[in-house]
């Protein structure tokens, strides 16, 4: 599979998320709806591929800070599609310094963060994080005035699946 196909899969996921957000939320000027995906990177490529799987039931935390202090913190769980949704109030919460974190993965094969060396067995906490500015910038995709989609958070398997070699070759070819 080519990198172009991976990009198509990711684009489809964002479009699907956008439609879900619009279908299940009442848009008001005072709310921000943040959605994102938690996936298992079973190829250890730090990106989604055709054989990546979403992680339903993952625990996710959203923290927003103001002046370095946590002003808003909430936790949620991904749905059967591996998607989380947080609803924030624009007028009551700081939105320019937020972070979304995967706290727990129920998938026994996919519990290691990209931020640690997957070969280091002592690193067991499945923590994947992403800093977000929900008001501007490139940390999220803006869909209308009230909807934001975070880039996917990936956890990685201990050993890449054999069929991943084709994705690694395609990625290397694309980078050259």
N, C-alpha and C. Protein backbone atom coordinates (compact mmCIF):
# COMPACT_ATOMS: atom_id res chain seq x y z
N UNK A 1 0.84 -1.18 0.00
CA UNK A 1 0.00 0.00 0.00
C UNK A 1 0.88 1.24 0.00
N UNK A 2 0.45 2.24 -0.68
CA UNK A 2 1.24 3.45 -0.80
C UNK A 2 0.89 4.46 0.30
N UNK A 3 1.76 5.44 0.41
CA UNK A 3 1.50 6.50 1.38
C UNK A 3 0.26 7.28 0.97
N UNK A 4 0.02 7.36 -0.34
CA UNK A 4 -1.17 8.04 -0.83
C UNK A 4 -2.43 7.37 -0.27
N UNK A 5 -2.42 6.03 -0.22
CA UNK A 5 -3.57 5.31 0.34
C UNK A 5 -3.72 5.59 1.83
N UNK A 6 -2.62 5.68 2.54
CA UNK A 6 -2.67 6.00 3.97
C UNK A 6 -3.26 7.38 4.19
N UNK A 7 -2.85 8.31 3.35
CA UNK A 7 -3.39 9.66 3.44
C UNK A 7 -4.89 9.66 3.16
N UNK A 8 -5.31 8.85 2.20
CA UNK A 8 -6.73 8.75 1.87
C UNK A 8 -7.51 8.20 3.06
N UNK A 9 -6.98 7.19 3.73
CA UNK A 9 -7.64 6.61 4.90
C UNK A 9 -7.77 7.66 6.00
N UNK A 10 -6.70 8.42 6.24
CA UNK A 10 -6.72 9.46 7.26
C UNK A 10 -7.73 10.56 6.90
N UNK A 11 -7.74 10.96 5.64
CA UNK A 11 -8.69 11.98 5.20
C UNK A 11 -10.13 11.49 5.37
N UNK A 12 -10.37 10.23 5.05
CA UNK A 12 -11.70 9.66 5.22
C UNK A 12 -12.10 9.69 6.70
N UNK A 13 -11.16 9.34 7.57
CA UNK A 13 -11.46 9.33 9.00
C UNK A 13 -11.84 10.73 9.48
N UNK A 14 -11.11 11.76 9.04
CA UNK A 14 -11.44 13.13 9.43
C UNK A 14 -12.82 13.53 8.91
N UNK A 15 -13.12 13.17 7.66
CA UNK A 15 -14.44 13.50 7.10
C UNK A 15 -15.55 12.80 7.88
N UNK A 16 -15.31 11.54 8.21
CA UNK A 16 -16.30 10.77 8.97
C UNK A 16 -16.52 11.39 10.35
N UNK A 17 -15.43 11.77 11.00
CA UNK A 17 -15.54 12.43 12.30
C UNK A 17 -16.33 13.72 12.19
N UNK A 18 -16.05 14.46 11.16
CA UNK A 18 -16.75 15.73 10.98
C UNK A 18 -18.25 15.52 10.84
N UNK A 19 -18.64 14.54 10.06
CA UNK A 19 -20.06 14.26 9.90
C UNK A 19 -20.69 13.82 11.21
N UNK A 20 -19.98 13.00 11.98
CA UNK A 20 -20.51 12.58 13.27
C UNK A 20 -20.69 13.76 14.21
N UNK A 21 -19.73 14.64 14.21
CA UNK A 21 -19.82 15.81 15.08
C UNK A 21 -21.05 16.63 14.72
N UNK A 22 -21.20 16.90 13.44
CA UNK A 22 -22.33 17.72 13.01
C UNK A 22 -23.66 17.04 13.29
N UNK A 23 -23.70 15.73 13.17
CA UNK A 23 -24.95 15.00 13.37
C UNK A 23 -25.35 14.92 14.84
N UNK A 24 -24.39 14.85 15.75
CA UNK A 24 -24.70 14.61 17.15
C UNK A 24 -24.54 15.80 18.07
N UNK A 25 -24.32 16.96 17.53
CA UNK A 25 -24.14 18.11 18.42
C UNK A 25 -25.08 19.24 18.02
N UNK A 26 -25.53 19.97 19.01
CA UNK A 26 -26.30 21.19 18.77
C UNK A 26 -25.30 22.34 18.79
N UNK A 27 -25.11 22.97 17.67
CA UNK A 27 -24.13 24.04 17.57
C UNK A 27 -24.65 25.30 18.24
N UNK A 28 -23.89 25.78 19.21
CA UNK A 28 -24.17 27.07 19.81
C UNK A 28 -22.88 27.87 19.77
N UNK A 29 -23.00 29.17 19.86
CA UNK A 29 -21.83 30.02 19.79
C UNK A 29 -20.93 29.88 21.00
N UNK A 30 -21.42 29.32 22.10
CA UNK A 30 -20.63 29.25 23.32
C UNK A 30 -19.96 27.90 23.53
N UNK A 31 -20.08 26.98 22.62
CA UNK A 31 -19.50 25.65 22.82
C UNK A 31 -18.47 25.32 21.74
N UNK A 32 -17.49 24.54 22.15
CA UNK A 32 -16.51 23.97 21.23
C UNK A 32 -16.60 22.46 21.38
N UNK A 33 -16.70 21.76 20.27
CA UNK A 33 -16.74 20.30 20.28
C UNK A 33 -15.40 19.82 19.74
N UNK A 34 -14.65 19.11 20.58
CA UNK A 34 -13.35 18.56 20.19
C UNK A 34 -13.49 17.05 20.04
N UNK A 35 -13.10 16.55 18.88
CA UNK A 35 -13.10 15.10 18.67
C UNK A 35 -11.72 14.66 18.21
N UNK A 36 -11.46 13.39 18.39
CA UNK A 36 -10.21 12.80 17.94
C UNK A 36 -10.29 11.30 17.97
N UNK A 37 -9.27 10.66 17.43
CA UNK A 37 -9.19 9.20 17.38
C UNK A 37 -8.01 8.72 18.19
N UNK A 38 -8.17 7.51 18.75
CA UNK A 38 -7.05 6.80 19.38
C UNK A 38 -6.90 5.51 18.59
N UNK A 39 -5.69 5.29 18.05
CA UNK A 39 -5.47 4.13 17.20
C UNK A 39 -4.26 3.33 17.64
N UNK A 40 -4.22 2.10 17.16
CA UNK A 40 -3.08 1.22 17.42
C UNK A 40 -2.19 1.20 16.19
N UNK A 41 -0.96 1.65 16.36
CA UNK A 41 0.02 1.65 15.28
C UNK A 41 0.72 0.29 15.30
N UNK A 42 0.14 -0.66 14.59
CA UNK A 42 0.69 -2.02 14.62
C UNK A 42 1.82 -2.20 13.63
N UNK A 43 2.31 -1.11 13.03
CA UNK A 43 3.48 -1.17 12.15
C UNK A 43 4.67 -0.37 12.70
N UNK A 44 4.48 0.29 13.85
CA UNK A 44 5.53 1.11 14.47
C UNK A 44 6.04 2.21 13.53
N UNK A 45 5.14 2.83 12.76
CA UNK A 45 5.51 3.87 11.81
C UNK A 45 5.16 5.27 12.27
N UNK A 46 4.52 5.40 13.44
CA UNK A 46 4.08 6.68 13.97
C UNK A 46 3.07 7.37 13.06
N UNK A 47 2.32 6.57 12.33
CA UNK A 47 1.23 7.09 11.50
C UNK A 47 0.25 5.96 11.22
N UNK A 48 -0.93 6.34 10.78
CA UNK A 48 -1.95 5.34 10.48
C UNK A 48 -1.68 4.69 9.13
N UNK A 49 -2.00 3.40 9.06
CA UNK A 49 -1.92 2.65 7.80
C UNK A 49 -3.27 1.95 7.59
N UNK A 50 -3.38 1.23 6.51
CA UNK A 50 -4.62 0.49 6.24
C UNK A 50 -4.91 -0.57 7.29
N UNK A 51 -3.88 -1.07 7.95
CA UNK A 51 -4.10 -2.12 8.94
C UNK A 51 -4.08 -1.61 10.37
N UNK A 52 -3.99 -0.27 10.53
CA UNK A 52 -4.12 0.29 11.88
C UNK A 52 -5.52 0.00 12.37
N UNK A 53 -5.64 -0.16 13.68
CA UNK A 53 -6.97 -0.37 14.24
C UNK A 53 -7.25 0.68 15.29
N UNK A 54 -8.50 1.07 15.38
CA UNK A 54 -8.90 2.04 16.38
C UNK A 54 -9.00 1.33 17.73
N UNK A 55 -8.89 2.09 18.81
CA UNK A 55 -8.92 1.50 20.15
C UNK A 55 -10.18 1.97 20.88
N UNK A 56 -11.23 1.16 20.87
CA UNK A 56 -12.42 1.51 21.65
C UNK A 56 -12.15 1.31 23.14
N UNK A 57 -12.78 2.13 23.97
CA UNK A 57 -12.64 1.99 25.42
C UNK A 57 -11.37 2.57 26.00
N UNK A 58 -10.59 3.31 25.20
CA UNK A 58 -9.39 3.96 25.73
C UNK A 58 -9.81 5.15 26.60
N UNK A 59 -9.15 5.34 27.73
CA UNK A 59 -9.42 6.47 28.60
C UNK A 59 -8.57 7.66 28.15
N UNK A 60 -9.22 8.81 27.98
CA UNK A 60 -8.57 10.00 27.47
C UNK A 60 -8.85 11.17 28.41
N UNK A 61 -7.84 12.03 28.61
CA UNK A 61 -8.00 13.22 29.46
C UNK A 61 -7.72 14.47 28.62
N UNK A 62 -8.53 15.50 28.83
CA UNK A 62 -8.30 16.81 28.24
C UNK A 62 -8.07 17.80 29.37
N UNK A 63 -6.92 18.49 29.32
CA UNK A 63 -6.59 19.53 30.30
C UNK A 63 -6.35 20.83 29.55
N UNK A 64 -6.93 21.91 30.05
CA UNK A 64 -6.68 23.23 29.50
C UNK A 64 -6.11 24.11 30.61
N UNK A 65 -5.07 24.86 30.26
CA UNK A 65 -4.35 25.67 31.24
C UNK A 65 -4.50 27.16 30.95
N UNK A 66 -4.33 27.91 32.02
CA UNK A 66 -4.30 29.36 31.91
C UNK A 66 -3.21 29.84 32.86
N UNK A 67 -2.23 30.54 32.33
CA UNK A 67 -1.13 31.01 33.16
C UNK A 67 -0.34 29.86 33.77
N UNK A 68 -0.28 28.72 33.10
CA UNK A 68 0.46 27.57 33.60
C UNK A 68 -0.30 26.68 34.57
N UNK A 69 -1.46 27.14 35.02
CA UNK A 69 -2.27 26.36 35.96
C UNK A 69 -3.42 25.67 35.25
N UNK A 70 -3.71 24.43 35.66
CA UNK A 70 -4.83 23.70 35.08
C UNK A 70 -6.13 24.37 35.51
N UNK A 71 -6.91 24.81 34.53
CA UNK A 71 -8.19 25.47 34.81
C UNK A 71 -9.37 24.56 34.48
N UNK A 72 -9.13 23.60 33.61
CA UNK A 72 -10.21 22.72 33.18
C UNK A 72 -9.63 21.34 32.91
N UNK A 73 -10.26 20.33 33.52
CA UNK A 73 -9.78 18.96 33.30
C UNK A 73 -11.01 18.06 33.24
N UNK A 74 -11.02 17.20 32.22
CA UNK A 74 -12.11 16.22 32.11
C UNK A 74 -11.56 14.96 31.46
N UNK A 75 -12.21 13.86 31.77
CA UNK A 75 -11.82 12.57 31.20
C UNK A 75 -13.00 11.97 30.46
N UNK A 76 -12.67 11.15 29.49
CA UNK A 76 -13.70 10.47 28.71
C UNK A 76 -13.16 9.15 28.22
N UNK A 77 -13.96 8.48 27.46
CA UNK A 77 -13.60 7.17 26.92
C UNK A 77 -13.94 7.14 25.43
N UNK A 78 -13.10 6.48 24.66
CA UNK A 78 -13.39 6.38 23.24
C UNK A 78 -14.57 5.45 23.00
N UNK A 79 -15.34 5.75 21.97
CA UNK A 79 -16.51 4.94 21.63
C UNK A 79 -16.07 3.70 20.83
N UNK A 80 -17.00 2.88 20.35
CA UNK A 80 -16.62 1.68 19.60
C UNK A 80 -15.80 1.94 18.33
N UNK A 81 -15.80 3.19 17.85
CA UNK A 81 -15.00 3.56 16.68
C UNK A 81 -13.63 4.10 17.05
N UNK A 82 -13.33 4.16 18.36
CA UNK A 82 -12.05 4.69 18.82
C UNK A 82 -12.04 6.21 18.87
N UNK A 83 -13.22 6.83 18.87
CA UNK A 83 -13.33 8.28 18.84
C UNK A 83 -13.74 8.82 20.20
N UNK A 84 -13.13 9.95 20.59
CA UNK A 84 -13.55 10.66 21.80
C UNK A 84 -14.15 12.00 21.40
N UNK A 85 -15.01 12.51 22.26
CA UNK A 85 -15.64 13.82 22.05
C UNK A 85 -15.64 14.55 23.40
N UNK A 86 -15.16 15.79 23.41
CA UNK A 86 -15.24 16.65 24.58
C UNK A 86 -15.99 17.92 24.19
N UNK A 87 -16.84 18.40 25.08
CA UNK A 87 -17.58 19.64 24.87
C UNK A 87 -17.05 20.67 25.85
N UNK A 88 -16.61 21.82 25.35
CA UNK A 88 -16.06 22.88 26.18
C UNK A 88 -16.88 24.15 25.99
N UNK A 89 -16.88 24.99 27.01
CA UNK A 89 -17.57 26.27 26.93
C UNK A 89 -16.56 27.37 26.68
N UNK A 90 -16.73 28.07 25.57
CA UNK A 90 -15.78 29.12 25.18
C UNK A 90 -15.62 30.20 26.24
N UNK A 91 -16.72 30.61 26.84
CA UNK A 91 -16.66 31.75 27.76
C UNK A 91 -16.13 31.38 29.14
N UNK A 92 -16.07 30.10 29.47
CA UNK A 92 -15.67 29.70 30.83
C UNK A 92 -14.34 28.97 30.90
N UNK A 93 -13.78 28.57 29.76
CA UNK A 93 -12.58 27.75 29.79
C UNK A 93 -11.50 28.33 28.89
N UNK A 94 -10.24 28.25 29.32
CA UNK A 94 -9.15 28.66 28.43
C UNK A 94 -9.02 27.61 27.31
N UNK A 95 -8.86 28.06 26.09
CA UNK A 95 -8.85 27.12 24.97
C UNK A 95 -7.56 27.18 24.15
N UNK A 96 -6.63 28.05 24.53
CA UNK A 96 -5.43 28.20 23.72
C UNK A 96 -4.24 27.39 24.22
N UNK A 97 -4.36 26.74 25.37
CA UNK A 97 -3.27 25.92 25.91
C UNK A 97 -3.86 24.65 26.50
N UNK A 98 -4.16 23.70 25.64
CA UNK A 98 -4.78 22.44 26.08
C UNK A 98 -3.89 21.26 25.70
N UNK A 99 -4.17 20.15 26.32
CA UNK A 99 -3.44 18.92 26.02
C UNK A 99 -4.39 17.74 26.17
N UNK A 100 -4.39 16.87 25.17
CA UNK A 100 -5.18 15.65 25.25
C UNK A 100 -4.20 14.49 25.45
N UNK A 101 -4.54 13.58 26.37
CA UNK A 101 -3.65 12.49 26.76
C UNK A 101 -4.42 11.18 26.80
N UNK A 102 -3.83 10.13 26.25
CA UNK A 102 -4.38 8.78 26.40
C UNK A 102 -3.85 8.24 27.72
N UNK A 103 -4.76 7.90 28.62
CA UNK A 103 -4.37 7.42 29.95
C UNK A 103 -4.30 5.91 30.05
N UNK A 104 -5.16 5.24 29.29
CA UNK A 104 -5.23 3.78 29.41
C UNK A 104 -5.74 3.18 28.10
N UNK A 105 -5.12 2.09 27.70
CA UNK A 105 -5.58 1.34 26.54
C UNK A 105 -6.05 -0.02 26.99
N UNK A 106 -7.29 -0.40 26.64
CA UNK A 106 -7.76 -1.73 26.99
C UNK A 106 -7.23 -2.82 26.05
N UNK A 107 -6.55 -2.40 24.99
CA UNK A 107 -6.01 -3.35 24.01
C UNK A 107 -4.70 -3.94 24.55
N UNK A 108 -4.67 -5.24 24.85
CA UNK A 108 -3.47 -5.83 25.44
C UNK A 108 -2.26 -5.80 24.52
N UNK A 109 -2.47 -5.70 23.21
CA UNK A 109 -1.34 -5.67 22.27
C UNK A 109 -0.83 -4.25 22.02
N UNK A 110 -1.59 -3.27 22.39
CA UNK A 110 -1.24 -1.90 22.03
C UNK A 110 -1.28 -1.01 23.27
N UNK A 111 -0.18 -0.98 24.01
CA UNK A 111 -0.13 -0.24 25.27
C UNK A 111 1.09 0.66 25.40
N UNK A 112 1.87 0.83 24.36
CA UNK A 112 3.11 1.60 24.45
C UNK A 112 2.95 2.90 23.67
N UNK A 113 3.39 3.99 24.25
CA UNK A 113 3.32 5.29 23.59
C UNK A 113 4.43 5.43 22.56
N UNK A 114 4.19 6.27 21.56
CA UNK A 114 5.25 6.60 20.61
C UNK A 114 6.37 7.39 21.28
N UNK A 115 6.07 8.02 22.41
CA UNK A 115 7.06 8.86 23.06
C UNK A 115 8.15 8.07 23.77
N UNK A 116 7.97 6.76 23.92
CA UNK A 116 8.99 5.93 24.56
C UNK A 116 9.49 4.90 23.57
N UNK A 117 10.66 4.37 23.84
CA UNK A 117 11.24 3.33 23.00
C UNK A 117 10.45 2.05 23.17
N UNK A 118 9.81 1.51 22.10
CA UNK A 118 9.01 0.31 22.24
C UNK A 118 9.83 -0.92 22.66
N UNK A 119 11.15 -0.84 22.55
CA UNK A 119 11.99 -1.97 22.96
C UNK A 119 12.33 -1.93 24.45
N UNK A 120 12.00 -0.83 25.12
CA UNK A 120 12.28 -0.70 26.54
C UNK A 120 11.07 -1.20 27.32
N UNK A 121 11.16 -2.41 27.83
CA UNK A 121 10.03 -3.07 28.49
C UNK A 121 9.62 -2.41 29.80
N UNK A 122 10.50 -1.58 30.39
CA UNK A 122 10.16 -0.96 31.67
C UNK A 122 9.16 0.19 31.49
N UNK A 123 8.99 0.68 30.29
CA UNK A 123 8.05 1.77 30.02
C UNK A 123 6.68 1.14 29.72
N UNK A 124 5.82 1.12 30.72
CA UNK A 124 4.54 0.45 30.54
C UNK A 124 3.35 1.40 30.44
N UNK A 125 3.52 2.65 30.81
CA UNK A 125 2.38 3.56 30.79
C UNK A 125 2.01 3.93 29.36
N UNK A 126 0.76 3.67 28.98
CA UNK A 126 0.35 4.00 27.60
C UNK A 126 -0.04 5.46 27.48
N UNK A 127 0.93 6.34 27.60
CA UNK A 127 0.62 7.76 27.57
C UNK A 127 1.02 8.33 26.21
N UNK A 128 0.04 8.78 25.48
CA UNK A 128 0.27 9.52 24.24
C UNK A 128 -0.36 10.88 24.44
N UNK A 129 0.34 11.94 24.08
CA UNK A 129 -0.17 13.29 24.32
C UNK A 129 -0.09 14.13 23.06
N UNK A 130 -0.93 15.16 23.02
CA UNK A 130 -0.88 16.13 21.95
C UNK A 130 -1.30 17.48 22.52
N UNK A 131 -0.45 18.50 22.31
CA UNK A 131 -0.79 19.86 22.73
C UNK A 131 -1.73 20.46 21.69
N UNK A 132 -2.73 21.22 22.18
CA UNK A 132 -3.75 21.78 21.30
C UNK A 132 -3.99 23.25 21.60
N UNK A 133 -4.21 24.00 20.54
CA UNK A 133 -4.74 25.35 20.65
C UNK A 133 -6.08 25.31 19.93
N UNK A 134 -7.16 25.39 20.68
CA UNK A 134 -8.49 25.24 20.09
C UNK A 134 -9.02 26.54 19.49
N UNK A 135 -8.22 27.60 19.55
CA UNK A 135 -8.65 28.89 18.99
C UNK A 135 -8.00 29.20 17.65
N UNK A 136 -6.76 28.76 17.47
CA UNK A 136 -6.04 29.05 16.22
C UNK A 136 -4.86 28.09 16.09
N UNK A 137 -4.20 28.13 14.95
CA UNK A 137 -3.00 27.33 14.75
C UNK A 137 -3.27 26.05 14.00
N UNK A 138 -2.25 25.20 13.97
CA UNK A 138 -2.33 23.98 13.17
C UNK A 138 -2.37 22.70 14.00
N UNK A 139 -2.72 22.82 15.29
CA UNK A 139 -2.76 21.63 16.14
C UNK A 139 -4.08 20.86 16.01
N UNK A 140 -5.08 21.50 15.40
CA UNK A 140 -6.37 20.87 15.17
C UNK A 140 -6.89 21.29 13.80
N UNK A 141 -7.84 20.53 13.28
CA UNK A 141 -8.52 20.90 12.05
C UNK A 141 -9.80 21.63 12.45
N UNK A 142 -10.02 22.82 11.91
CA UNK A 142 -11.20 23.61 12.22
C UNK A 142 -12.31 23.26 11.25
N UNK A 143 -13.47 22.89 11.80
CA UNK A 143 -14.64 22.58 10.99
C UNK A 143 -15.76 23.48 11.49
N UNK A 144 -15.89 24.59 10.86
CA UNK A 144 -16.90 25.55 11.30
C UNK A 144 -16.45 26.25 12.56
N UNK A 145 -17.30 27.12 13.09
CA UNK A 145 -16.92 27.92 14.25
C UNK A 145 -16.87 27.14 15.56
N UNK A 146 -17.51 25.98 15.63
CA UNK A 146 -17.62 25.28 16.92
C UNK A 146 -17.01 23.89 16.96
N UNK A 147 -16.45 23.42 15.87
CA UNK A 147 -15.97 22.04 15.84
C UNK A 147 -14.48 21.98 15.54
N UNK A 148 -13.79 21.16 16.34
CA UNK A 148 -12.35 20.95 16.18
C UNK A 148 -12.08 19.45 16.15
N UNK A 149 -11.17 19.05 15.27
CA UNK A 149 -10.76 17.65 15.20
C UNK A 149 -9.26 17.59 15.45
N UNK A 150 -8.87 16.87 16.49
CA UNK A 150 -7.46 16.70 16.82
C UNK A 150 -6.86 15.62 15.92
N UNK A 151 -5.59 15.76 15.63
CA UNK A 151 -4.92 14.70 14.89
C UNK A 151 -4.91 13.44 15.76
N UNK A 152 -4.93 12.26 15.15
CA UNK A 152 -5.03 11.00 15.92
C UNK A 152 -3.88 10.80 16.89
N UNK A 153 -4.20 10.15 18.01
CA UNK A 153 -3.21 9.76 19.00
C UNK A 153 -2.95 8.27 18.83
N UNK A 154 -1.69 7.89 18.67
CA UNK A 154 -1.37 6.50 18.42
C UNK A 154 -0.58 5.85 19.54
N UNK A 155 -0.95 4.62 19.83
CA UNK A 155 -0.16 3.76 20.70
C UNK A 155 0.43 2.68 19.80
N UNK A 156 1.55 2.15 20.21
CA UNK A 156 2.28 1.24 19.32
C UNK A 156 2.39 -0.16 19.93
N UNK A 157 2.46 -1.15 19.08
CA UNK A 157 2.63 -2.54 19.52
C UNK A 157 4.11 -2.78 19.84
N UNK A 158 4.35 -3.83 20.59
CA UNK A 158 5.73 -4.16 20.95
C UNK A 158 6.53 -4.63 19.74
N UNK A 159 5.87 -5.38 18.84
CA UNK A 159 6.55 -5.90 17.65
C UNK A 159 5.65 -5.66 16.44
N UNK A 160 6.23 -5.07 15.40
CA UNK A 160 5.47 -4.77 14.19
C UNK A 160 4.99 -6.06 13.51
N UNK A 161 3.82 -5.98 12.91
CA UNK A 161 3.27 -7.12 12.20
C UNK A 161 4.07 -7.36 10.92
N UNK A 162 4.17 -8.61 10.46
CA UNK A 162 4.97 -8.92 9.27
C UNK A 162 4.53 -8.18 8.01
N UNK A 163 3.24 -7.97 7.84
CA UNK A 163 2.76 -7.30 6.63
C UNK A 163 3.06 -5.81 6.60
N UNK A 164 3.70 -5.31 7.64
CA UNK A 164 4.01 -3.88 7.71
C UNK A 164 5.20 -3.48 6.85
N UNK A 165 5.96 -4.43 6.40
CA UNK A 165 7.15 -4.12 5.61
C UNK A 165 6.79 -3.28 4.37
N UNK A 166 5.66 -3.60 3.74
CA UNK A 166 5.26 -2.85 2.54
C UNK A 166 4.97 -1.38 2.87
N UNK A 167 4.41 -1.11 4.06
CA UNK A 167 4.12 0.26 4.45
C UNK A 167 5.41 1.02 4.75
N UNK A 168 6.36 0.34 5.38
CA UNK A 168 7.64 0.97 5.69
C UNK A 168 8.38 1.32 4.39
N UNK A 169 8.34 0.43 3.40
CA UNK A 169 8.98 0.70 2.11
C UNK A 169 8.32 1.88 1.41
N UNK A 170 7.01 1.91 1.43
CA UNK A 170 6.28 3.01 0.79
C UNK A 170 6.60 4.33 1.47
N UNK A 171 6.70 4.32 2.78
CA UNK A 171 7.00 5.54 3.52
C UNK A 171 8.40 6.04 3.19
N UNK A 172 9.37 5.10 3.15
CA UNK A 172 10.74 5.46 2.83
C UNK A 172 10.82 6.04 1.41
N UNK A 173 10.09 5.42 0.47
CA UNK A 173 10.07 5.90 -0.90
C UNK A 173 9.48 7.31 -0.97
N UNK A 174 8.43 7.55 -0.20
CA UNK A 174 7.75 8.84 -0.21
C UNK A 174 8.65 9.93 0.38
N UNK A 175 9.45 9.60 1.37
CA UNK A 175 10.32 10.57 2.03
C UNK A 175 11.51 10.95 1.16
N UNK A 176 11.90 10.10 0.23
CA UNK A 176 13.06 10.39 -0.64
C UNK A 176 12.71 11.26 -1.79
